[in-house]
Amino acid sequence: MRARIVERFRFEAAHAVVIDGKPEEIHGHTFHLEVAVGGEMKGGYVMDFLLLRRIVNEAIEKLDHRNLNELFENPTTENIALWIAGEIGEGLPEGVRVERVTLWEGEDNGVELEF
């Protein structure tokens, strides 16, 4: 049987997205992140929640309290979420994969990536 586990996180960062060739004014957000990973249940679970938390925290600590324009050519929420998914995917145990990443910039605007 396949199952998914889901964890939520948050981090603070600033960015200035480039829209139609022009960067916005730099501004900050509290980003809210939800990560779902899935795989076959073995021994009653997909993977240890603590391991997933460690993997995700290692990724987002590279972003926390940073100017995201120093890390991304265009730090859109989509680009940030895609990068996070890639970072998480590299650390997952064999047979477990990223299935969904949802990233909210603040309370109202977000993106959901499904794999």
PDB file of N, CA and C in Angstrom:
ATOM      1  N   MET A   1       0.836  -1.179   0.000  1.00  0.00           N
ATOM      2  CA  MET A   1       0.000   0.000   0.000  1.00  0.00           C
ATOM      3  C   MET A   1       0.881   1.243   0.000  1.00  0.00           C
ATOM      4  N   ARG A   2       0.526   2.205  -0.857  1.00  0.00           N
ATOM      5  CA  ARG A   2       1.230   3.489  -0.896  1.00  0.00           C
ATOM      6  C   ARG A   2       0.544   4.470   0.042  1.00  0.00           C
ATOM      7  N   ALA A   3       1.336   5.339   0.615  1.00  0.00           N
ATOM      8  CA  ALA A   3       0.807   6.365   1.512  1.00  0.00           C
ATOM      9  C   ALA A   3       1.655   7.624   1.366  1.00  0.00           C
ATOM     10  N   ARG A   4       1.129   8.713   1.888  1.00  0.00           N
ATOM     11  CA  ARG A   4       1.811  10.008   1.876  1.00  0.00           C
ATOM     12  C   ARG A   4       1.925  10.517   3.301  1.00  0.00           C
ATOM     13  N   ILE A   5       3.022  11.177   3.602  1.00  0.00           N
ATOM     14  CA  ILE A   5       3.101  11.925   4.853  1.00  0.00           C
ATOM     15  C   ILE A   5       3.293  13.393   4.501  1.00  0.00           C
ATOM     16  N   VAL A   6       2.798  14.246   5.374  1.00  0.00           N
ATOM     17  CA  VAL A   6       2.777  15.685   5.106  1.00  0.00           C
ATOM     18  C   VAL A   6       3.351  16.413   6.318  1.00  0.00           C
ATOM     19  N   GLU A   7       4.189  17.395   6.042  1.00  0.00           N
ATOM     20  CA  GLU A   7       4.770  18.238   7.093  1.00  0.00           C
ATOM     21  C   GLU A   7       4.640  19.703   6.681  1.00  0.00           C
ATOM     22  N   ARG A   8       4.511  20.588   7.678  1.00  0.00           N
ATOM     23  CA  ARG A   8       4.424  22.031   7.437  1.00  0.00           C
ATOM     24  C   ARG A   8       5.606  22.745   8.075  1.00  0.00           C
ATOM     25  N   PHE A   9       6.028  23.827   7.397  1.00  0.00           N
ATOM     26  CA  PHE A   9       7.189  24.601   7.828  1.00  0.00           C
ATOM     27  C   PHE A   9       6.930  26.068   7.524  1.00  0.00           C
ATOM     28  N   ARG A  10       7.810  26.928   8.027  1.00  0.00           N
ATOM     29  CA  ARG A  10       7.776  28.337   7.626  1.00  0.00           C
ATOM     30  C   ARG A  10       9.168  28.918   7.741  1.00  0.00           C
ATOM     31  N   PHE A  11       9.384  29.955   6.940  1.00  0.00           N
ATOM     32  CA  PHE A  11      10.655  30.670   6.980  1.00  0.00           C
ATOM     33  C   PHE A  11      10.404  32.093   6.525  1.00  0.00           C
ATOM     34  N   GLU A  12      11.338  32.968   6.843  1.00  0.00           N
ATOM     35  CA  GLU A  12      11.266  34.390   6.499  1.00  0.00           C
ATOM     36  C   GLU A  12      12.311  34.685   5.432  1.00  0.00           C
ATOM     37  N   ALA A  13      11.924  35.450   4.431  1.00  0.00           N
ATOM     38  CA  ALA A  13      12.886  35.832   3.397  1.00  0.00           C
ATOM     39  C   ALA A  13      12.370  37.044   2.637  1.00  0.00           C
ATOM     40  N   ALA A  14      13.292  37.705   1.937  1.00  0.00           N
ATOM     41  CA  ALA A  14      12.946  38.868   1.115  1.00  0.00           C
ATOM     42  C   ALA A  14      13.245  38.551  -0.344  1.00  0.00           C
ATOM     43  N   HIS A  15      12.508  39.214  -1.232  1.00  0.00           N
ATOM     44  CA  HIS A  15      12.779  39.057  -2.657  1.00  0.00           C
ATOM     45  C   HIS A  15      12.202  40.237  -3.428  1.00  0.00           C
ATOM     46  N   ALA A  16      12.649  40.350  -4.676  1.00  0.00           N
ATOM     47  CA  ALA A  16      12.116  41.323  -5.623  1.00  0.00           C
ATOM     48  C   ALA A  16      11.959  40.559  -6.938  1.00  0.00           C
ATOM     49  N   VAL A  17      10.749  40.133  -7.208  1.00  0.00           N
ATOM     50  CA  VAL A  17      10.465  39.345  -8.404  1.00  0.00           C
ATOM     51  C   VAL A  17      10.568  40.232  -9.637  1.00  0.00           C
ATOM     52  N   VAL A  18      11.105  39.674 -10.713  1.00  0.00           N
ATOM     53  CA  VAL A  18      11.199  40.394 -11.978  1.00  0.00           C
ATOM     54  C   VAL A  18       9.931  40.100 -12.784  1.00  0.00           C
ATOM     55  N   ILE A  19       9.155  41.153 -13.082  1.00  0.00           N
ATOM     56  CA  ILE A  19       7.910  41.031 -13.831  1.00  0.00           C
ATOM     57  C   ILE A  19       8.032  41.899 -15.081  1.00  0.00           C
ATOM     58  N   ASP A  20       7.853  41.286 -16.245  1.00  0.00           N
ATOM     59  CA  ASP A  20       7.989  42.008 -17.517  1.00  0.00           C
ATOM     60  C   ASP A  20       9.309  42.767 -17.602  1.00  0.00           C
ATOM     61  N   GLY A  21      10.370  42.135 -17.120  1.00  0.00           N
ATOM     62  CA  GLY A  21      11.702  42.726 -17.218  1.00  0.00           C
ATOM     63  C   GLY A  21      12.048  43.729 -16.140  1.00  0.00           C
ATOM     64  N   LYS A  22      11.094  44.061 -15.265  1.00  0.00           N
ATOM     65  CA  LYS A  22      11.347  45.049 -14.213  1.00  0.00           C
ATOM     66  C   LYS A  22      11.235  44.393 -12.841  1.00  0.00           C
ATOM     67  N   PRO A  23      12.245  44.595 -11.987  1.00  0.00           N
ATOM     68  CA  PRO A  23      12.138  44.040 -10.634  1.00  0.00           C
ATOM     69  C   PRO A  23      11.195  44.886  -9.767  1.00  0.00           C
ATOM     70  N   GLU A  24      10.449  44.200  -8.937  1.00  0.00           N
ATOM     71  CA  GLU A  24       9.632  44.872  -7.934  1.00  0.00           C
ATOM     72  C   GLU A  24      10.561  45.504  -6.899  1.00  0.00           C
ATOM     73  N   GLU A  25       9.986  46.278  -6.003  1.00  0.00           N
ATOM     74  CA  GLU A  25      10.726  46.719  -4.826  1.00  0.00           C
ATOM     75  C   GLU A  25      10.972  45.488  -3.959  1.00  0.00           C
ATOM     76  N   ILE A  26      12.137  45.446  -3.339  1.00  0.00           N
ATOM     77  CA  ILE A  26      12.409  44.307  -2.462  1.00  0.00           C
ATOM     78  C   ILE A  26      11.455  44.369  -1.262  1.00  0.00           C
ATOM     79  N   HIS A  27      10.944  43.216  -0.906  1.00  0.00           N
ATOM     80  CA  HIS A  27       9.999  43.113   0.205  1.00  0.00           C
ATOM     81  C   HIS A  27      10.103  41.728   0.818  1.00  0.00           C
ATOM     82  N   GLY A  28       9.594  41.593   2.025  1.00  0.00           N
ATOM     83  CA  GLY A  28       9.730  40.327   2.730  1.00  0.00           C
ATOM     84  C   GLY A  28       8.407  39.618   2.936  1.00  0.00           C
ATOM     85  N   HIS A  29       8.516  38.318   3.203  1.00  0.00           N
ATOM     86  CA  HIS A  29       7.352  37.471   3.469  1.00  0.00           C
ATOM     87  C   HIS A  29       7.682  36.481   4.571  1.00  0.00           C
ATOM     88  N   THR A  30       6.642  36.034   5.227  1.00  0.00           N
ATOM     89  CA  THR A  30       6.709  34.792   5.970  1.00  0.00           C
ATOM     90  C   THR A  30       6.193  33.742   5.005  1.00  0.00           C
ATOM     91  N   PHE A  31       7.081  32.869   4.554  1.00  0.00           N
ATOM     92  CA  PHE A  31       6.708  31.805   3.631  1.00  0.00           C
ATOM     93  C   PHE A  31       6.215  30.611   4.445  1.00  0.00           C
ATOM     94  N   HIS A  32       5.107  30.036   4.006  1.00  0.00           N
ATOM     95  CA  HIS A  32       4.557  28.832   4.617  1.00  0.00           C
ATOM     96  C   HIS A  32       4.709  27.703   3.603  1.00  0.00           C
ATOM     97  N   LEU A  33       5.260  26.600   4.046  1.00  0.00           N
ATOM     98  CA  LEU A  33       5.592  25.492   3.176  1.00  0.00           C
ATOM     99  C   LEU A  33       4.904  24.228   3.658  1.00  0.00           C
ATOM    100  N   GLU A  34       4.319  23.493   2.721  1.00  0.00           N
ATOM    101  CA  GLU A  34       3.788  22.173   3.031  1.00  0.00           C
ATOM    102  C   GLU A  34       4.403  21.194   2.047  1.00  0.00           C
ATOM    103  N   VAL A  35       4.927  20.101   2.578  1.00  0.00           N
ATOM    104  CA  VAL A  35       5.613  19.094   1.774  1.00  0.00           C
ATOM    105  C   VAL A  35       4.920  17.760   1.983  1.00  0.00           C
ATOM    106  N   ALA A  36       4.594  17.078   0.880  1.00  0.00           N
ATOM    107  CA  ALA A  36       4.035  15.725   0.939  1.00  0.00           C
ATOM    108  C   ALA A  36       4.973  14.796   0.192  1.00  0.00           C
ATOM    109  N   VAL A  37       5.383  13.735   0.872  1.00  0.00           N
ATOM    110  CA  VAL A  37       6.206  12.708   0.243  1.00  0.00           C
ATOM    111  C   VAL A  37       5.469  11.388   0.352  1.00  0.00           C
ATOM    112  N   GLY A  38       5.702  10.524  -0.616  1.00  0.00           N
ATOM    113  CA  GLY A  38       4.980   9.259  -0.613  1.00  0.00           C
ATOM    114  C   GLY A  38       5.853   8.089  -0.992  1.00  0.00           C
ATOM    115  N   GLY A  39       5.341   6.926  -0.647  1.00  0.00           N
ATOM    116  CA  GLY A  39       6.023   5.689  -0.980  1.00  0.00           C
ATOM    117  C   GLY A  39       5.260   4.514  -0.413  1.00  0.00           C
ATOM    118  N   GLU A  40       5.836   3.353  -0.584  1.00  0.00           N
ATOM    119  CA  GLU A  40       5.229   2.140  -0.041  1.00  0.00           C
ATOM    120  C   GLU A  40       5.354   2.138   1.478  1.00  0.00           C
ATOM    121  N   MET A  41       4.288   1.727   2.142  1.00  0.00           N
ATOM    122  CA  MET A  41       4.361   1.568   3.586  1.00  0.00           C
ATOM    123  C   MET A  41       5.164   0.311   3.901  1.00  0.00           C
ATOM    124  N   LYS A  42       6.173   0.483   4.737  1.00  0.00           N
ATOM    125  CA  LYS A  42       7.006  -0.637   5.170  1.00  0.00           C
ATOM    126  C   LYS A  42       7.076  -0.583   6.690  1.00  0.00           C
ATOM    127  N   GLY A  43       6.641  -1.646   7.331  1.00  0.00           N
ATOM    128  CA  GLY A  43       6.647  -1.662   8.794  1.00  0.00           C
ATOM    129  C   GLY A  43       5.651  -0.687   9.385  1.00  0.00           C
ATOM    130  N   GLY A  44       4.636  -0.300   8.601  1.00  0.00           N
ATOM    131  CA  GLY A  44       3.594   0.584   9.112  1.00  0.00           C
ATOM    132  C   GLY A  44       3.800   2.061   8.847  1.00  0.00           C
ATOM    133  N   TYR A  45       4.858   2.430   8.122  1.00  0.00           N
ATOM    134  CA  TYR A  45       5.074   3.841   7.828  1.00  0.00           C
ATOM    135  C   TYR A  45       5.816   4.015   6.507  1.00  0.00           C
ATOM    136  N   VAL A  46       5.755   5.263   5.976  1.00  0.00           N
ATOM    137  CA  VAL A  46       6.454   5.607   4.731  1.00  0.00           C
ATOM    138  C   VAL A  46       7.906   5.962   5.038  1.00  0.00           C
ATOM    139  N   MET A  47       8.083   6.887   5.983  1.00  0.00           N
ATOM    140  CA  MET A  47       9.409   7.268   6.479  1.00  0.00           C
ATOM    141  C   MET A  47       9.215   7.973   7.807  1.00  0.00           C
ATOM    142  N   ASP A  48      10.267   8.122   8.533  1.00  0.00           N
ATOM    143  CA  ASP A  48      10.229   8.778   9.838  1.00  0.00           C
ATOM    144  C   ASP A  48       9.971  10.278   9.653  1.00  0.00           C
ATOM    145  N   PHE A  49       8.963  10.815  10.369  1.00  0.00           N
ATOM    146  CA  PHE A  49       8.689  12.250  10.315  1.00  0.00           C
ATOM    147  C   PHE A  49       9.922  13.059  10.699  1.00  0.00           C
ATOM    148  N   LEU A  50      10.679  12.602  11.669  1.00  0.00           N
ATOM    149  CA  LEU A  50      11.859  13.352  12.110  1.00  0.00           C
ATOM    150  C   LEU A  50      12.896  13.464  11.003  1.00  0.00           C
ATOM    151  N   LEU A  51      13.059  12.413  10.229  1.00  0.00           N
ATOM    152  CA  LEU A  51      13.989  12.460   9.103  1.00  0.00           C
ATOM    153  C   LEU A  51      13.491  13.440   8.047  1.00  0.00           C
ATOM    154  N   LEU A  52      12.209  13.407   7.736  1.00  0.00           N
ATOM    155  CA  LEU A  52      11.670  14.353   6.760  1.00  0.00           C
ATOM    156  C   LEU A  52      11.872  15.781   7.244  1.00  0.00           C
ATOM    157  N   ARG A  53      11.592  16.051   8.512  1.00  0.00           N
ATOM    158  CA  ARG A  53      11.787  17.395   9.060  1.00  0.00           C
ATOM    159  C   ARG A  53      13.238  17.835   8.915  1.00  0.00           C
ATOM    160  N   ARG A  54      14.168  16.924   9.203  1.00  0.00           N
ATOM    161  CA  ARG A  54      15.581  17.274   9.096  1.00  0.00           C
ATOM    162  C   ARG A  54      15.957  17.618   7.653  1.00  0.00           C
ATOM    163  N   ILE A  55      15.481  16.826   6.699  1.00  0.00           N
ATOM    164  CA  ILE A  55      15.785  17.054   5.284  1.00  0.00           C
ATOM    165  C   ILE A  55      15.238  18.409   4.830  1.00  0.00           C
ATOM    166  N   VAL A  56      13.972  18.685   5.174  1.00  0.00           N
ATOM    167  CA  VAL A  56      13.363  19.948   4.752  1.00  0.00           C
ATOM    168  C   VAL A  56      14.029  21.124   5.458  1.00  0.00           C
ATOM    169  N   ASN A  57      14.285  21.004   6.734  1.00  0.00           N
ATOM    170  CA  ASN A  57      14.924  22.111   7.463  1.00  0.00           C
ATOM    171  C   ASN A  57      16.306  22.429   6.911  1.00  0.00           C
ATOM    172  N   GLU A  58      17.050  21.414   6.465  1.00  0.00           N
ATOM    173  CA  GLU A  58      18.357  21.671   5.853  1.00  0.00           C
ATOM    174  C   GLU A  58      18.211  22.497   4.582  1.00  0.00           C
ATOM    175  N   ALA A  59      17.144  22.257   3.840  1.00  0.00           N
ATOM    176  CA  ALA A  59      16.909  23.037   2.614  1.00  0.00           C
ATOM    177  C   ALA A  59      16.492  24.461   2.946  1.00  0.00           C
ATOM    178  N   ILE A  60      15.494  24.610   3.811  1.00  0.00           N
ATOM    179  CA  ILE A  60      14.958  25.960   4.025  1.00  0.00           C
ATOM    180  C   ILE A  60      15.877  26.833   4.876  1.00  0.00           C
ATOM    181  N   GLU A  61      16.798  26.232   5.620  1.00  0.00           N
ATOM    182  CA  GLU A  61      17.721  27.092   6.366  1.00  0.00           C
ATOM    183  C   GLU A  61      18.648  27.843   5.405  1.00  0.00           C
ATOM    184  N   LYS A  62      18.791  27.354   4.177  1.00  0.00           N
ATOM    185  CA  LYS A  62      19.574  28.074   3.160  1.00  0.00           C
ATOM    186  C   LYS A  62      18.829  29.314   2.656  1.00  0.00           C
ATOM    187  N   LEU A  63      17.509  29.371   2.914  1.00  0.00           N
ATOM    188  CA  LEU A  63      16.667  30.472   2.448  1.00  0.00           C
ATOM    189  C   LEU A  63      16.272  31.429   3.573  1.00  0.00           C
ATOM    190  N   ASP A  64      16.226  30.932   4.794  1.00  0.00           N
ATOM    191  CA  ASP A  64      15.675  31.681   5.919  1.00  0.00           C
ATOM    192  C   ASP A  64      16.461  32.956   6.190  1.00  0.00           C
ATOM    193  N   HIS A  65      15.721  34.068   6.291  1.00  0.00           N
ATOM    194  CA  HIS A  65      16.279  35.389   6.560  1.00  0.00           C
ATOM    195  C   HIS A  65      17.342  35.793   5.537  1.00  0.00           C
ATOM    196  N   ARG A  66      17.084  35.434   4.283  1.00  0.00           N
ATOM    197  CA  ARG A  66      17.991  35.766   3.187  1.00  0.00           C
ATOM    198  C   ARG A  66      17.285  36.648   2.166  1.00  0.00           C
ATOM    199  N   ASN A  67      18.086  37.351   1.366  1.00  0.00           N
ATOM    200  CA  ASN A  67      17.596  38.028   0.174  1.00  0.00           C
ATOM    201  C   ASN A  67      17.641  36.983  -0.941  1.00  0.00           C
ATOM    202  N   LEU A  68      16.477  36.511  -1.366  1.00  0.00           N
ATOM    203  CA  LEU A  68      16.408  35.416  -2.329  1.00  0.00           C
ATOM    204  C   LEU A  68      16.931  35.801  -3.709  1.00  0.00           C
ATOM    205  N   ASN A  69      17.040  37.092  -3.982  1.00  0.00           N
ATOM    206  CA  ASN A  69      17.620  37.534  -5.252  1.00  0.00           C
ATOM    207  C   ASN A  69      19.105  37.200  -5.335  1.00  0.00           C
ATOM    208  N   GLU A  70      19.738  36.963  -4.207  1.00  0.00           N
ATOM    209  CA  GLU A  70      21.138  36.555  -4.216  1.00  0.00           C
ATOM    210  C   GLU A  70      21.283  35.067  -4.528  1.00  0.00           C
ATOM    211  N   LEU A  71      20.178  34.318  -4.468  1.00  0.00           N
ATOM    212  CA  LEU A  71      20.208  32.874  -4.686  1.00  0.00           C
ATOM    213  C   LEU A  71      19.534  32.442  -5.990  1.00  0.00           C
ATOM    214  N   PHE A  72      18.601  33.246  -6.483  1.00  0.00           N
ATOM    215  CA  PHE A  72      17.815  32.899  -7.668  1.00  0.00           C
ATOM    216  C   PHE A  72      17.859  34.049  -8.658  1.00  0.00           C
ATOM    217  N   GLU A  73      17.895  33.709  -9.946  1.00  0.00           N
ATOM    218  CA  GLU A  73      17.837  34.747 -10.974  1.00  0.00           C
ATOM    219  C   GLU A  73      16.524  35.519 -10.886  1.00  0.00           C
ATOM    220  N   ASN A  74      15.421  34.801 -10.702  1.00  0.00           N
ATOM    221  CA  ASN A  74      14.110  35.420 -10.515  1.00  0.00           C
ATOM    222  C   ASN A  74      13.392  34.621  -9.427  1.00  0.00           C
ATOM    223  N   PRO A  75      13.400  35.131  -8.194  1.00  0.00           N
ATOM    224  CA  PRO A  75      12.890  34.367  -7.062  1.00  0.00           C
ATOM    225  C   PRO A  75      11.360  34.391  -6.949  1.00  0.00           C
ATOM    226  N   THR A  76      10.707  33.882  -7.987  1.00  0.00           N
ATOM    227  CA  THR A  76       9.256  33.734  -7.922  1.00  0.00           C
ATOM    228  C   THR A  76       8.930  32.610  -6.944  1.00  0.00           C
ATOM    229  N   THR A  77       7.719  32.599  -6.473  1.00  0.00           N
ATOM    230  CA  THR A  77       7.300  31.525  -5.574  1.00  0.00           C
ATOM    231  C   THR A  77       7.424  30.179  -6.272  1.00  0.00           C
ATOM    232  N   GLU A  78       7.118  30.138  -7.567  1.00  0.00           N
ATOM    233  CA  GLU A  78       7.244  28.896  -8.336  1.00  0.00           C
ATOM    234  C   GLU A  78       8.691  28.405  -8.369  1.00  0.00           C
ATOM    235  N   ASN A  79       9.630  29.318  -8.655  1.00  0.00           N
ATOM    236  CA  ASN A  79      11.040  28.930  -8.723  1.00  0.00           C
ATOM    237  C   ASN A  79      11.566  28.476  -7.367  1.00  0.00           C
ATOM    238  N   ILE A  80      11.142  29.148  -6.309  1.00  0.00           N
ATOM    239  CA  ILE A  80      11.570  28.769  -4.962  1.00  0.00           C
ATOM    240  C   ILE A  80      11.028  27.384  -4.612  1.00  0.00           C
ATOM    241  N   ALA A  81       9.742  27.154  -4.896  1.00  0.00           N
ATOM    242  CA  ALA A  81       9.125  25.858  -4.589  1.00  0.00           C
ATOM    243  C   ALA A  81       9.791  24.730  -5.369  1.00  0.00           C
ATOM    244  N   LEU A  82      10.120  24.977  -6.625  1.00  0.00           N
ATOM    245  CA  LEU A  82      10.782  23.962  -7.445  1.00  0.00           C
ATOM    246  C   LEU A  82      12.166  23.635  -6.889  1.00  0.00           C
ATOM    247  N   TRP A  83      12.890  24.653  -6.471  1.00  0.00           N
ATOM    248  CA  TRP A  83      14.206  24.443  -5.884  1.00  0.00           C
ATOM    249  C   TRP A  83      14.090  23.626  -4.597  1.00  0.00           C
ATOM    250  N   ILE A  84      13.128  23.988  -3.741  1.00  0.00           N
ATOM    251  CA  ILE A  84      12.925  23.255  -2.490  1.00  0.00           C
ATOM    252  C   ILE A  84      12.629  21.790  -2.784  1.00  0.00           C
ATOM    253  N   ALA A  85      11.757  21.529  -3.747  1.00  0.00           N
ATOM    254  CA  ALA A  85      11.413  20.140  -4.091  1.00  0.00           C
ATOM    255  C   ALA A  85      12.657  19.357  -4.504  1.00  0.00           C
ATOM    256  N   GLY A  86      13.521  19.981  -5.294  1.00  0.00           N
ATOM    257  CA  GLY A  86      14.749  19.313  -5.725  1.00  0.00           C
ATOM    258  C   GLY A  86      15.678  19.014  -4.565  1.00  0.00           C
ATOM    259  N   GLU A  87      15.822  19.969  -3.660  1.00  0.00           N
ATOM    260  CA  GLU A  87      16.672  19.770  -2.488  1.00  0.00           C
ATOM    261  C   GLU A  87      16.148  18.632  -1.624  1.00  0.00           C
ATOM    262  N   ILE A  88      14.840  18.601  -1.409  1.00  0.00           N
ATOM    263  CA  ILE A  88      14.245  17.552  -0.583  1.00  0.00           C
ATOM    264  C   ILE A  88      14.419  16.197  -1.256  1.00  0.00           C
ATOM    265  N   GLY A  89      14.140  16.142  -2.550  1.00  0.00           N
ATOM    266  CA  GLY A  89      14.217  14.889  -3.284  1.00  0.00           C
ATOM    267  C   GLY A  89      15.578  14.226  -3.191  1.00  0.00           C
ATOM    268  N   GLU A  90      16.639  15.030  -3.136  1.00  0.00           N
ATOM    269  CA  GLU A  90      17.997  14.481  -3.055  1.00  0.00           C
ATOM    270  C   GLU A  90      18.260  13.765  -1.736  1.00  0.00           C
ATOM    271  N   GLY A  91      17.529  14.140  -0.682  1.00  0.00           N
ATOM    272  CA  GLY A  91      17.809  13.565   0.627  1.00  0.00           C
ATOM    273  C   GLY A  91      16.890  12.446   1.065  1.00  0.00           C
ATOM    274  N   LEU A  92      15.867  12.149   0.265  1.00  0.00           N
ATOM    275  CA  LEU A  92      14.885  11.148   0.677  1.00  0.00           C
ATOM    276  C   LEU A  92      15.417   9.726   0.583  1.00  0.00           C
ATOM    277  N   PRO A  93      14.917   8.848   1.440  1.00  0.00           N
ATOM    278  CA  PRO A  93      15.323   7.439   1.355  1.00  0.00           C
ATOM    279  C   PRO A  93      14.855   6.818   0.042  1.00  0.00           C
ATOM    280  N   GLU A  94      15.492   5.726  -0.329  1.00  0.00           N
ATOM    281  CA  GLU A  94      15.111   5.004  -1.538  1.00  0.00           C
ATOM    282  C   GLU A  94      13.641   4.601  -1.466  1.00  0.00           C
ATOM    283  N   GLY A  95      12.935   4.800  -2.568  1.00  0.00           N
ATOM    284  CA  GLY A  95      11.528   4.423  -2.653  1.00  0.00           C
ATOM    285  C   GLY A  95      10.559   5.481  -2.178  1.00  0.00           C
ATOM    286  N   VAL A  96      11.065   6.600  -1.644  1.00  0.00           N
ATOM    287  CA  VAL A  96      10.220   7.714  -1.205  1.00  0.00           C
ATOM    288  C   VAL A  96      10.496   8.875  -2.144  1.00  0.00           C
ATOM    289  N   ARG A  97       9.424   9.557  -2.556  1.00  0.00           N
ATOM    290  CA  ARG A  97       9.613  10.677  -3.485  1.00  0.00           C
ATOM    291  C   ARG A  97       8.728  11.853  -3.106  1.00  0.00           C
ATOM    292  N   VAL A  98       9.136  13.028  -3.523  1.00  0.00           N
ATOM    293  CA  VAL A  98       8.326  14.225  -3.331  1.00  0.00           C
ATOM    294  C   VAL A  98       7.098  14.097  -4.216  1.00  0.00           C
ATOM    295  N   GLU A  99       5.927  14.270  -3.647  1.00  0.00           N
ATOM    296  CA  GLU A  99       4.693  14.216  -4.430  1.00  0.00           C
ATOM    297  C   GLU A  99       4.034  15.584  -4.571  1.00  0.00           C
ATOM    298  N   ARG A 100       4.217  16.434  -3.558  1.00  0.00           N
ATOM    299  CA  ARG A 100       3.602  17.761  -3.632  1.00  0.00           C
ATOM    300  C   ARG A 100       4.375  18.730  -2.751  1.00  0.00           C
ATOM    301  N   VAL A 101       4.552  19.947  -3.269  1.00  0.00           N
ATOM    302  CA  VAL A 101       5.104  21.054  -2.497  1.00  0.00           C
ATOM    303  C   VAL A 101       4.164  22.225  -2.683  1.00  0.00           C
ATOM    304  N   THR A 102       3.687  22.774  -1.573  1.00  0.00           N
ATOM    305  CA  THR A 102       2.856  23.974  -1.605  1.00  0.00           C
ATOM    306  C   THR A 102       3.606  25.053  -0.851  1.00  0.00           C
ATOM    307  N   LEU A 103       3.810  26.198  -1.504  1.00  0.00           N
ATOM    308  CA  LEU A 103       4.545  27.303  -0.895  1.00  0.00           C
ATOM    309  C   LEU A 103       3.689  28.564  -0.973  1.00  0.00           C
ATOM    310  N   TRP A 104       3.414  29.139   0.188  1.00  0.00           N
ATOM    311  CA  TRP A 104       2.647  30.380   0.290  1.00  0.00           C
ATOM    312  C   TRP A 104       3.593  31.507   0.635  1.00  0.00           C
ATOM    313  N   GLU A 105       3.495  32.635  -0.097  1.00  0.00           N
ATOM    314  CA  GLU A 105       4.220  33.829   0.308  1.00  0.00           C
ATOM    315  C   GLU A 105       3.207  34.694   1.043  1.00  0.00           C
ATOM    316  N   GLY A 106       3.294  34.675   2.342  1.00  0.00           N
ATOM    317  CA  GLY A 106       2.294  35.331   3.163  1.00  0.00           C
ATOM    318  C   GLY A 106       1.045  34.464   3.270  1.00  0.00           C
ATOM    319  N   GLU A 107      -0.084  35.102   3.506  1.00  0.00           N
ATOM    320  CA  GLU A 107      -1.340  34.386   3.740  1.00  0.00           C
ATOM    321  C   GLU A 107      -2.154  34.129   2.477  1.00  0.00           C
ATOM    322  N   ASP A 108      -1.951  34.927   1.434  1.00  0.00           N
ATOM    323  CA  ASP A 108      -2.900  34.921   0.333  1.00  0.00           C
ATOM    324  C   ASP A 108      -2.399  34.373  -0.999  1.00  0.00           C
ATOM    325  N   ASN A 109      -1.099  34.379  -1.238  1.00  0.00           N
ATOM    326  CA  ASN A 109      -0.575  33.982  -2.549  1.00  0.00           C
ATOM    327  C   ASN A 109       0.308  32.753  -2.417  1.00  0.00           C
ATOM    328  N   GLY A 110       0.030  31.757  -3.245  1.00  0.00           N
ATOM    329  CA  GLY A 110       0.828  30.552  -3.151  1.00  0.00           C
ATOM    330  C   GLY A 110       0.868  29.784  -4.444  1.00  0.00           C
ATOM    331  N   VAL A 111       1.684  28.754  -4.445  1.00  0.00           N
ATOM    332  CA  VAL A 111       1.815  27.887  -5.597  1.00  0.00           C
ATOM    333  C   VAL A 111       1.855  26.448  -5.087  1.00  0.00           C
ATOM    334  N   GLU A 112       1.286  25.564  -5.885  1.00  0.00           N
ATOM    335  CA  GLU A 112       1.306  24.141  -5.558  1.00  0.00           C
ATOM    336  C   GLU A 112       1.901  23.390  -6.730  1.00  0.00           C
ATOM    337  N   LEU A 113       2.955  22.634  -6.450  1.00  0.00           N
ATOM    338  CA  LEU A 113       3.589  21.804  -7.470  1.00  0.00           C
ATOM    339  C   LEU A 113       3.295  20.352  -7.145  1.00  0.00           C
ATOM    340  N   GLU A 114       2.864  19.607  -8.151  1.00  0.00           N
ATOM    341  CA  GLU A 114       2.630  18.173  -7.982  1.00  0.00           C
ATOM    342  C   GLU A 114       3.564  17.422  -8.902  1.00  0.00           C
ATOM    343  N   PHE A 115       4.100  16.311  -8.401  1.00  0.00           N
ATOM    344  CA  PHE A 115       5.073  15.535  -9.153  1.00  0.00           C
ATOM    345  C   PHE A 115       4.570  14.135  -9.376  1.00  0.00           C
TER     346      PHE A 115
END
